[in-house]
């Protein structure tokens, strides 16, 4: 799986999961990962595999979050614009 987007940080994963009120188990199921992979990704002690990062980001974005990586507006998460979900 090719990843053209920046990788989300362990802080962003933890914050996004908390914002959604998801458990580590639920995020793992949404991302198609093991709970252990989520725990490792959130720990920040090592860089997760690229595919793990992509799966986490995809699951969190599907739940309506967007990730910011700009040095000028900050690094973080935000709720996607409602127009992003209109059919």
PDB file of N, CA and C in Angstrom:
ATOM      1  N   UNK A   1       0.857  -1.174   0.000  1.00  0.00           N
ATOM      2  CA  UNK A   1       0.000   0.000   0.000  1.00  0.00           C
ATOM      3  C   UNK A   1       0.904   1.239   0.000  1.00  0.00           C
ATOM      4  N   UNK A   2       0.709   2.122  -0.963  1.00  0.00           N
ATOM      5  CA  UNK A   2       1.514   3.335  -1.082  1.00  0.00           C
ATOM      6  C   UNK A   2       0.850   4.444  -0.280  1.00  0.00           C
ATOM      7  N   UNK A   3       1.658   5.156   0.489  1.00  0.00           N
ATOM      8  CA  UNK A   3       1.132   6.229   1.328  1.00  0.00           C
ATOM      9  C   UNK A   3       1.681   7.555   0.833  1.00  0.00           C
ATOM     10  N   UNK A   4       0.813   8.388   0.240  1.00  0.00           N
ATOM     11  CA  UNK A   4       1.249   9.693  -0.236  1.00  0.00           C
ATOM     12  C   UNK A   4       0.941  10.797   0.762  1.00  0.00           C
ATOM     13  N   UNK A   5       0.259  10.462   1.857  1.00  0.00           N
ATOM     14  CA  UNK A   5      -0.086  11.434   2.881  1.00  0.00           C
ATOM     15  C   UNK A   5       0.933  11.356   4.016  1.00  0.00           C
ATOM     16  N   UNK A   6       1.112  12.456   4.759  1.00  0.00           N
ATOM     17  CA  UNK A   6       2.000  12.390   5.934  1.00  0.00           C
ATOM     18  C   UNK A   6       1.483  11.385   6.950  1.00  0.00           C
ATOM     19  N   UNK A   7       2.384  10.757   7.671  1.00  0.00           N
ATOM     20  CA  UNK A   7       1.974   9.806   8.698  1.00  0.00           C
ATOM     21  C   UNK A   7       1.471  10.553   9.923  1.00  0.00           C
ATOM     22  N   UNK A   8       0.397  10.040  10.522  1.00  0.00           N
ATOM     23  CA  UNK A   8      -0.120  10.652  11.731  1.00  0.00           C
ATOM     24  C   UNK A   8       0.754  10.247  12.909  1.00  0.00           C
ATOM     25  N   UNK A   9       0.832  11.125  13.877  1.00  0.00           N
ATOM     26  CA  UNK A   9       1.668  10.881  15.050  1.00  0.00           C
ATOM     27  C   UNK A   9       0.919  10.070  16.100  1.00  0.00           C
ATOM     28  N   UNK A  10       1.646   9.544  17.053  1.00  0.00           N
ATOM     29  CA  UNK A  10       1.020   8.801  18.146  1.00  0.00           C
ATOM     30  C   UNK A  10       0.059   9.714  18.917  1.00  0.00           C
ATOM     31  N   UNK A  11       0.428  10.978  19.079  1.00  0.00           N
ATOM     32  CA  UNK A  11      -0.460  11.932  19.768  1.00  0.00           C
ATOM     33  C   UNK A  11      -1.758  12.146  19.011  1.00  0.00           C
ATOM     34  N   UNK A  12      -1.661  12.232  17.683  1.00  0.00           N
ATOM     35  CA  UNK A  12      -2.858  12.420  16.876  1.00  0.00           C
ATOM     36  C   UNK A  12      -3.769  11.198  16.950  1.00  0.00           C
ATOM     37  N   UNK A  13      -3.184  10.005  16.960  1.00  0.00           N
ATOM     38  CA  UNK A  13      -3.997   8.788  17.069  1.00  0.00           C
ATOM     39  C   UNK A  13      -4.727   8.776  18.405  1.00  0.00           C
ATOM     40  N   UNK A  14      -4.005   9.034  19.491  1.00  0.00           N
ATOM     41  CA  UNK A  14      -4.631   9.035  20.823  1.00  0.00           C
ATOM     42  C   UNK A  14      -5.724  10.087  20.916  1.00  0.00           C
ATOM     43  N   UNK A  15      -5.434  11.295  20.419  1.00  0.00           N
ATOM     44  CA  UNK A  15      -6.409  12.391  20.494  1.00  0.00           C
ATOM     45  C   UNK A  15      -7.645  12.089  19.648  1.00  0.00           C
ATOM     46  N   UNK A  16      -7.440  11.562  18.453  1.00  0.00           N
ATOM     47  CA  UNK A  16      -8.566  11.255  17.576  1.00  0.00           C
ATOM     48  C   UNK A  16      -9.447  10.171  18.192  1.00  0.00           C
ATOM     49  N   UNK A  17      -8.813   9.153  18.734  1.00  0.00           N
ATOM     50  CA  UNK A  17      -9.574   8.065  19.353  1.00  0.00           C
ATOM     51  C   UNK A  17     -10.369   8.579  20.551  1.00  0.00           C
ATOM     52  N   UNK A  18      -9.736   9.422  21.359  1.00  0.00           N
ATOM     53  CA  UNK A  18     -10.418   9.994  22.523  1.00  0.00           C
ATOM     54  C   UNK A  18     -11.576  10.888  22.082  1.00  0.00           C
ATOM     55  N   UNK A  19     -11.357  11.705  21.057  1.00  0.00           N
ATOM     56  CA  UNK A  19     -12.387  12.603  20.559  1.00  0.00           C
ATOM     57  C   UNK A  19     -13.615  11.815  20.107  1.00  0.00           C
ATOM     58  N   UNK A  20     -13.376  10.681  19.469  1.00  0.00           N
ATOM     59  CA  UNK A  20     -14.476   9.850  18.989  1.00  0.00           C
ATOM     60  C   UNK A  20     -15.089   8.991  20.091  1.00  0.00           C
ATOM     61  N   UNK A  21     -14.401   8.878  21.225  1.00  0.00           N
ATOM     62  CA  UNK A  21     -14.885   8.036  22.305  1.00  0.00           C
ATOM     63  C   UNK A  21     -14.696   6.557  22.018  1.00  0.00           C
ATOM     64  N   UNK A  22     -13.724   6.238  21.171  1.00  0.00           N
ATOM     65  CA  UNK A  22     -13.458   4.864  20.783  1.00  0.00           C
ATOM     66  C   UNK A  22     -12.469   4.214  21.740  1.00  0.00           C
ATOM     67  N   UNK A  23     -12.640   2.938  21.971  1.00  0.00           N
ATOM     68  CA  UNK A  23     -11.641   2.159  22.698  1.00  0.00           C
ATOM     69  C   UNK A  23     -10.553   1.741  21.714  1.00  0.00           C
ATOM     70  N   UNK A  24      -9.443   1.285  22.255  1.00  0.00           N
ATOM     71  CA  UNK A  24      -8.384   0.764  21.393  1.00  0.00           C
ATOM     72  C   UNK A  24      -8.886  -0.448  20.608  1.00  0.00           C
ATOM     73  N   UNK A  25      -9.708  -1.255  21.239  1.00  0.00           N
ATOM     74  CA  UNK A  25     -10.255  -2.435  20.567  1.00  0.00           C
ATOM     75  C   UNK A  25     -11.131  -2.033  19.384  1.00  0.00           C
ATOM     76  N   UNK A  26     -11.961  -0.994  19.582  1.00  0.00           N
ATOM     77  CA  UNK A  26     -12.847  -0.570  18.507  1.00  0.00           C
ATOM     78  C   UNK A  26     -12.055   0.015  17.349  1.00  0.00           C
ATOM     79  N   UNK A  27     -11.061   0.854  17.644  1.00  0.00           N
ATOM     80  CA  UNK A  27     -10.219   1.407  16.580  1.00  0.00           C
ATOM     81  C   UNK A  27      -9.525   0.275  15.833  1.00  0.00           C
ATOM     82  N   UNK A  28      -9.029  -0.697  16.561  1.00  0.00           N
ATOM     83  CA  UNK A  28      -8.368  -1.839  15.918  1.00  0.00           C
ATOM     84  C   UNK A  28      -9.321  -2.532  14.956  1.00  0.00           C
ATOM     85  N   UNK A  29     -10.560  -2.746  15.385  1.00  0.00           N
ATOM     86  CA  UNK A  29     -11.523  -3.429  14.516  1.00  0.00           C
ATOM     87  C   UNK A  29     -11.863  -2.580  13.293  1.00  0.00           C
ATOM     88  N   UNK A  30     -12.001  -1.279  13.471  1.00  0.00           N
ATOM     89  CA  UNK A  30     -12.308  -0.382  12.352  1.00  0.00           C
ATOM     90  C   UNK A  30     -11.153  -0.325  11.349  1.00  0.00           C
ATOM     91  N   UNK A  31      -9.928  -0.457  11.849  1.00  0.00           N
ATOM     92  CA  UNK A  31      -8.743  -0.354  10.995  1.00  0.00           C
ATOM     93  C   UNK A  31      -8.273  -1.708  10.472  1.00  0.00           C
ATOM     94  N   UNK A  32      -8.885  -2.774  10.945  1.00  0.00           N
ATOM     95  CA  UNK A  32      -8.448  -4.104  10.521  1.00  0.00           C
ATOM     96  C   UNK A  32      -7.099  -4.478  11.092  1.00  0.00           C
ATOM     97  N   UNK A  33      -6.856  -4.048  12.341  1.00  0.00           N
ATOM     98  CA  UNK A  33      -5.582  -4.294  13.010  1.00  0.00           C
ATOM     99  C   UNK A  33      -5.812  -5.014  14.330  1.00  0.00           C
ATOM    100  N   UNK A  34      -4.744  -5.453  14.947  1.00  0.00           N
ATOM    101  CA  UNK A  34      -4.838  -6.010  16.290  1.00  0.00           C
ATOM    102  C   UNK A  34      -4.810  -4.874  17.305  1.00  0.00           C
ATOM    103  N   UNK A  35      -5.335  -5.132  18.486  1.00  0.00           N
ATOM    104  CA  UNK A  35      -5.263  -4.127  19.549  1.00  0.00           C
ATOM    105  C   UNK A  35      -3.802  -3.805  19.849  1.00  0.00           C
ATOM    106  N   UNK A  36      -2.960  -4.811  19.794  1.00  0.00           N
ATOM    107  CA  UNK A  36      -1.527  -4.605  20.069  1.00  0.00           C
ATOM    108  C   UNK A  36      -0.922  -3.583  19.097  1.00  0.00           C
ATOM    109  N   UNK A  37      -1.330  -3.627  17.827  1.00  0.00           N
ATOM    110  CA  UNK A  37      -0.823  -2.660  16.846  1.00  0.00           C
ATOM    111  C   UNK A  37      -1.246  -1.241  17.214  1.00  0.00           C
ATOM    112  N   UNK A  38      -2.480  -1.086  17.693  1.00  0.00           N
ATOM    113  CA  UNK A  38      -2.963   0.237  18.106  1.00  0.00           C
ATOM    114  C   UNK A  38      -2.195   0.717  19.337  1.00  0.00           C
ATOM    115  N   UNK A  39      -2.016  -0.162  20.301  1.00  0.00           N
ATOM    116  CA  UNK A  39      -1.268   0.195  21.515  1.00  0.00           C
ATOM    117  C   UNK A  39       0.140   0.652  21.141  1.00  0.00           C
ATOM    118  N   UNK A  40       0.799  -0.077  20.261  1.00  0.00           N
ATOM    119  CA  UNK A  40       2.162   0.304  19.835  1.00  0.00           C
ATOM    120  C   UNK A  40       2.155   1.636  19.105  1.00  0.00           C
ATOM    121  N   UNK A  41       1.166   1.838  18.221  1.00  0.00           N
ATOM    122  CA  UNK A  41       1.094   3.095  17.467  1.00  0.00           C
ATOM    123  C   UNK A  41       0.862   4.285  18.389  1.00  0.00           C
ATOM    124  N   UNK A  42       0.079   4.083  19.445  1.00  0.00           N
ATOM    125  CA  UNK A  42      -0.217   5.168  20.385  1.00  0.00           C
ATOM    126  C   UNK A  42       0.911   5.412  21.376  1.00  0.00           C
ATOM    127  N   UNK A  43       1.779   4.446  21.568  1.00  0.00           N
ATOM    128  CA  UNK A  43       2.820   4.581  22.590  1.00  0.00           C
ATOM    129  C   UNK A  43       3.884   5.597  22.193  1.00  0.00           C
ATOM    130  N   UNK A  44       4.139   5.710  20.904  1.00  0.00           N
ATOM    131  CA  UNK A  44       5.158   6.644  20.450  1.00  0.00           C
ATOM    132  C   UNK A  44       6.569   6.159  20.667  1.00  0.00           C
ATOM    133  N   UNK A  45       6.726   4.956  21.203  1.00  0.00           N
ATOM    134  CA  UNK A  45       8.073   4.441  21.490  1.00  0.00           C
ATOM    135  C   UNK A  45       8.795   4.002  20.226  1.00  0.00           C
ATOM    136  N   UNK A  46       8.055   3.703  19.176  1.00  0.00           N
ATOM    137  CA  UNK A  46       8.657   3.353  17.897  1.00  0.00           C
ATOM    138  C   UNK A  46       7.702   3.746  16.785  1.00  0.00           C
ATOM    139  N   UNK A  47       8.235   3.939  15.614  1.00  0.00           N
ATOM    140  CA  UNK A  47       7.414   4.316  14.460  1.00  0.00           C
ATOM    141  C   UNK A  47       6.639   3.087  13.992  1.00  0.00           C
ATOM    142  N   UNK A  48       5.305   3.190  13.864  1.00  0.00           N
ATOM    143  CA  UNK A  48       4.536   2.037  13.377  1.00  0.00           C
ATOM    144  C   UNK A  48       4.857   1.743  11.914  1.00  0.00           C
ATOM    145  N   UNK A  49       4.569   0.538  11.494  1.00  0.00           N
ATOM    146  CA  UNK A  49       4.722   0.192  10.086  1.00  0.00           C
ATOM    147  C   UNK A  49       3.892   1.151   9.255  1.00  0.00           C
ATOM    148  N   UNK A  50       4.336   1.426   8.045  1.00  0.00           N
ATOM    149  CA  UNK A  50       3.629   2.367   7.172  1.00  0.00           C
ATOM    150  C   UNK A  50       2.188   1.926   6.940  1.00  0.00           C
ATOM    151  N   UNK A  51       1.965   0.625   6.733  1.00  0.00           N
ATOM    152  CA  UNK A  51       0.603   0.150   6.490  1.00  0.00           C
ATOM    153  C   UNK A  51      -0.275   0.340   7.721  1.00  0.00           C
ATOM    154  N   UNK A  52       0.291   0.181   8.912  1.00  0.00           N
ATOM    155  CA  UNK A  52      -0.469   0.406  10.149  1.00  0.00           C
ATOM    156  C   UNK A  52      -0.920   1.855  10.212  1.00  0.00           C
ATOM    157  N   UNK A  53      -0.010   2.772   9.912  1.00  0.00           N
ATOM    158  CA  UNK A  53      -0.345   4.202   9.916  1.00  0.00           C
ATOM    159  C   UNK A  53      -1.459   4.511   8.921  1.00  0.00           C
ATOM    160  N   UNK A  54      -1.354   3.947   7.738  1.00  0.00           N
ATOM    161  CA  UNK A  54      -2.361   4.191   6.705  1.00  0.00           C
ATOM    162  C   UNK A  54      -3.713   3.658   7.156  1.00  0.00           C
ATOM    163  N   UNK A  55      -3.745   2.466   7.732  1.00  0.00           N
ATOM    164  CA  UNK A  55      -5.011   1.875   8.173  1.00  0.00           C
ATOM    165  C   UNK A  55      -5.645   2.698   9.299  1.00  0.00           C
ATOM    166  N   UNK A  56      -4.831   3.151  10.237  1.00  0.00           N
ATOM    167  CA  UNK A  56      -5.351   3.972  11.337  1.00  0.00           C
ATOM    168  C   UNK A  56      -5.920   5.273  10.800  1.00  0.00           C
ATOM    169  N   UNK A  57      -5.154   5.937   9.963  1.00  0.00           N
ATOM    170  CA  UNK A  57      -5.600   7.220   9.410  1.00  0.00           C
ATOM    171  C   UNK A  57      -6.876   7.045   8.598  1.00  0.00           C
ATOM    172  N   UNK A  58      -6.941   6.007   7.793  1.00  0.00           N
ATOM    173  CA  UNK A  58      -8.122   5.752   6.972  1.00  0.00           C
ATOM    174  C   UNK A  58      -9.357   5.535   7.840  1.00  0.00           C
ATOM    175  N   UNK A  59      -9.226   4.746   8.895  1.00  0.00           N
ATOM    176  CA  UNK A  59     -10.357   4.481   9.790  1.00  0.00           C
ATOM    177  C   UNK A  59     -10.813   5.749  10.486  1.00  0.00           C
ATOM    178  N   UNK A  60      -9.881   6.558  10.944  1.00  0.00           N
ATOM    179  CA  UNK A  60     -10.226   7.784  11.659  1.00  0.00           C
ATOM    180  C   UNK A  60     -10.818   8.834  10.719  1.00  0.00           C
ATOM    181  N   UNK A  61     -10.296   8.905   9.504  1.00  0.00           N
ATOM    182  CA  UNK A  61     -10.866   9.839   8.530  1.00  0.00           C
ATOM    183  C   UNK A  61     -12.265   9.391   8.106  1.00  0.00           C
ATOM    184  N   UNK A  62     -12.494   8.084   8.013  1.00  0.00           N
ATOM    185  CA  UNK A  62     -13.828   7.579   7.664  1.00  0.00           C
ATOM    186  C   UNK A  62     -14.847   7.939   8.745  1.00  0.00           C
ATOM    187  N   UNK A  63     -14.371   8.157   9.966  1.00  0.00           N
ATOM    188  CA  UNK A  63     -15.251   8.550  11.075  1.00  0.00           C
ATOM    189  C   UNK A  63     -15.501  10.049  11.098  1.00  0.00           C
ATOM    190  N   UNK A  64     -14.911  10.782  10.148  1.00  0.00           N
ATOM    191  CA  UNK A  64     -15.200  12.206  10.032  1.00  0.00           C
ATOM    192  C   UNK A  64     -14.126  13.144  10.539  1.00  0.00           C
ATOM    193  N   UNK A  65     -12.922  12.629  10.788  1.00  0.00           N
ATOM    194  CA  UNK A  65     -11.843  13.497  11.251  1.00  0.00           C
ATOM    195  C   UNK A  65     -10.884  13.805  10.118  1.00  0.00           C
ATOM    196  N   UNK A  66     -10.223  14.947  10.229  1.00  0.00           N
ATOM    197  CA  UNK A  66      -9.154  15.323   9.310  1.00  0.00           C
ATOM    198  C   UNK A  66      -7.920  15.618  10.144  1.00  0.00           C
ATOM    199  N   UNK A  67      -6.762  15.435   9.549  1.00  0.00           N
ATOM    200  CA  UNK A  67      -5.496  15.660  10.247  1.00  0.00           C
ATOM    201  C   UNK A  67      -4.780  16.850   9.632  1.00  0.00           C
ATOM    202  N   UNK A  68      -4.227  17.693  10.497  1.00  0.00           N
ATOM    203  CA  UNK A  68      -3.477  18.878  10.066  1.00  0.00           C
ATOM    204  C   UNK A  68      -1.988  18.617  10.285  1.00  0.00           C
ATOM    205  N   UNK A  69      -1.179  19.099   9.333  1.00  0.00           N
ATOM    206  CA  UNK A  69       0.267  18.917   9.414  1.00  0.00           C
ATOM    207  C   UNK A  69       1.013  20.206   9.094  1.00  0.00           C
ATOM    208  N   UNK A  70       0.345  21.340   9.178  1.00  0.00           N
ATOM    209  CA  UNK A  70       0.931  22.615   8.788  1.00  0.00           C
ATOM    210  C   UNK A  70       1.681  23.267   9.944  1.00  0.00           C
ATOM    211  N   UNK A  71       2.852  23.761   9.652  1.00  0.00           N
ATOM    212  CA  UNK A  71       3.611  24.491  10.669  1.00  0.00           C
ATOM    213  C   UNK A  71       2.989  25.845  10.962  1.00  0.00           C
ATOM    214  N   UNK A  72       2.195  26.380  10.020  1.00  0.00           N
ATOM    215  CA  UNK A  72       1.599  27.700  10.229  1.00  0.00           C
ATOM    216  C   UNK A  72       0.282  27.635  10.995  1.00  0.00           C
ATOM    217  N   UNK A  73      -0.542  26.599  10.752  1.00  0.00           N
ATOM    218  CA  UNK A  73      -1.813  26.500  11.467  1.00  0.00           C
ATOM    219  C   UNK A  73      -1.779  25.439  12.559  1.00  0.00           C
ATOM    220  N   UNK A  74      -0.706  24.716  12.650  1.00  0.00           N
ATOM    221  CA  UNK A  74      -0.555  23.727  13.713  1.00  0.00           C
ATOM    222  C   UNK A  74      -0.771  22.303  13.246  1.00  0.00           C
ATOM    223  N   UNK A  75      -0.338  21.412  14.082  1.00  0.00           N
ATOM    224  CA  UNK A  75      -0.500  19.990  13.841  1.00  0.00           C
ATOM    225  C   UNK A  75      -1.592  19.509  14.770  1.00  0.00           C
ATOM    226  N   UNK A  76      -2.567  18.792  14.249  1.00  0.00           N
ATOM    227  CA  UNK A  76      -3.651  18.337  15.102  1.00  0.00           C
ATOM    228  C   UNK A  76      -4.704  17.591  14.336  1.00  0.00           C
ATOM    229  N   UNK A  77      -5.913  17.605  14.894  1.00  0.00           N
ATOM    230  CA  UNK A  77      -7.058  16.964  14.261  1.00  0.00           C
ATOM    231  C   UNK A  77      -8.227  17.935  14.278  1.00  0.00           C
ATOM    232  N   UNK A  78      -9.167  17.713  13.378  1.00  0.00           N
ATOM    233  CA  UNK A  78     -10.371  18.527  13.337  1.00  0.00           C
ATOM    234  C   UNK A  78     -11.492  17.714  12.703  1.00  0.00           C
ATOM    235  N   UNK A  79     -12.704  18.167  12.919  1.00  0.00           N
ATOM    236  CA  UNK A  79     -13.851  17.513  12.299  1.00  0.00           C
ATOM    237  C   UNK A  79     -13.907  17.948  10.847  1.00  0.00           C
ATOM    238  N   UNK A  80     -14.114  16.991   9.961  1.00  0.00           N
ATOM    239  CA  UNK A  80     -14.197  17.303   8.540  1.00  0.00           C
ATOM    240  C   UNK A  80     -15.399  18.207   8.276  1.00  0.00           C
ATOM    241  N   UNK A  81     -15.290  19.030   7.258  1.00  0.00           N
ATOM    242  CA  UNK A  81     -16.390  19.912   6.877  1.00  0.00           C
ATOM    243  C   UNK A  81     -17.610  19.098   6.483  1.00  0.00           C
ATOM    244  N   UNK A  82     -18.807  19.526   6.887  1.00  0.00           N
ATOM    245  CA  UNK A  82     -20.018  18.766   6.550  1.00  0.00           C
ATOM    246  C   UNK A  82     -20.153  18.508   5.047  1.00  0.00           C
ATOM    247  N   UNK A  83     -19.687  19.417   4.216  1.00  0.00           N
ATOM    248  CA  UNK A  83     -19.798  19.218   2.766  1.00  0.00           C
ATOM    249  C   UNK A  83     -18.993  18.020   2.298  1.00  0.00           C
ATOM    250  N   UNK A  84     -17.996  17.603   3.085  1.00  0.00           N
ATOM    251  CA  UNK A  84     -17.200  16.433   2.731  1.00  0.00           C
ATOM    252  C   UNK A  84     -18.033  15.151   2.811  1.00  0.00           C
ATOM    253  N   UNK A  85     -19.172  15.195   3.503  1.00  0.00           N
ATOM    254  CA  UNK A  85     -19.991  14.006   3.704  1.00  0.00           C
ATOM    255  C   UNK A  85     -21.294  14.044   2.936  1.00  0.00           C
ATOM    256  N   UNK A  86     -21.557  15.158   2.221  1.00  0.00           N
ATOM    257  CA  UNK A  86     -22.795  15.254   1.447  1.00  0.00           C
ATOM    258  C   UNK A  86     -22.709  14.331   0.237  1.00  0.00           C
ATOM    259  N   UNK A  87     -23.826  13.743  -0.105  1.00  0.00           N
ATOM    260  CA  UNK A  87     -23.859  12.850  -1.274  1.00  0.00           C
ATOM    261  C   UNK A  87     -24.226  13.610  -2.515  1.00  0.00           C
TER     262      UNK A  87
END
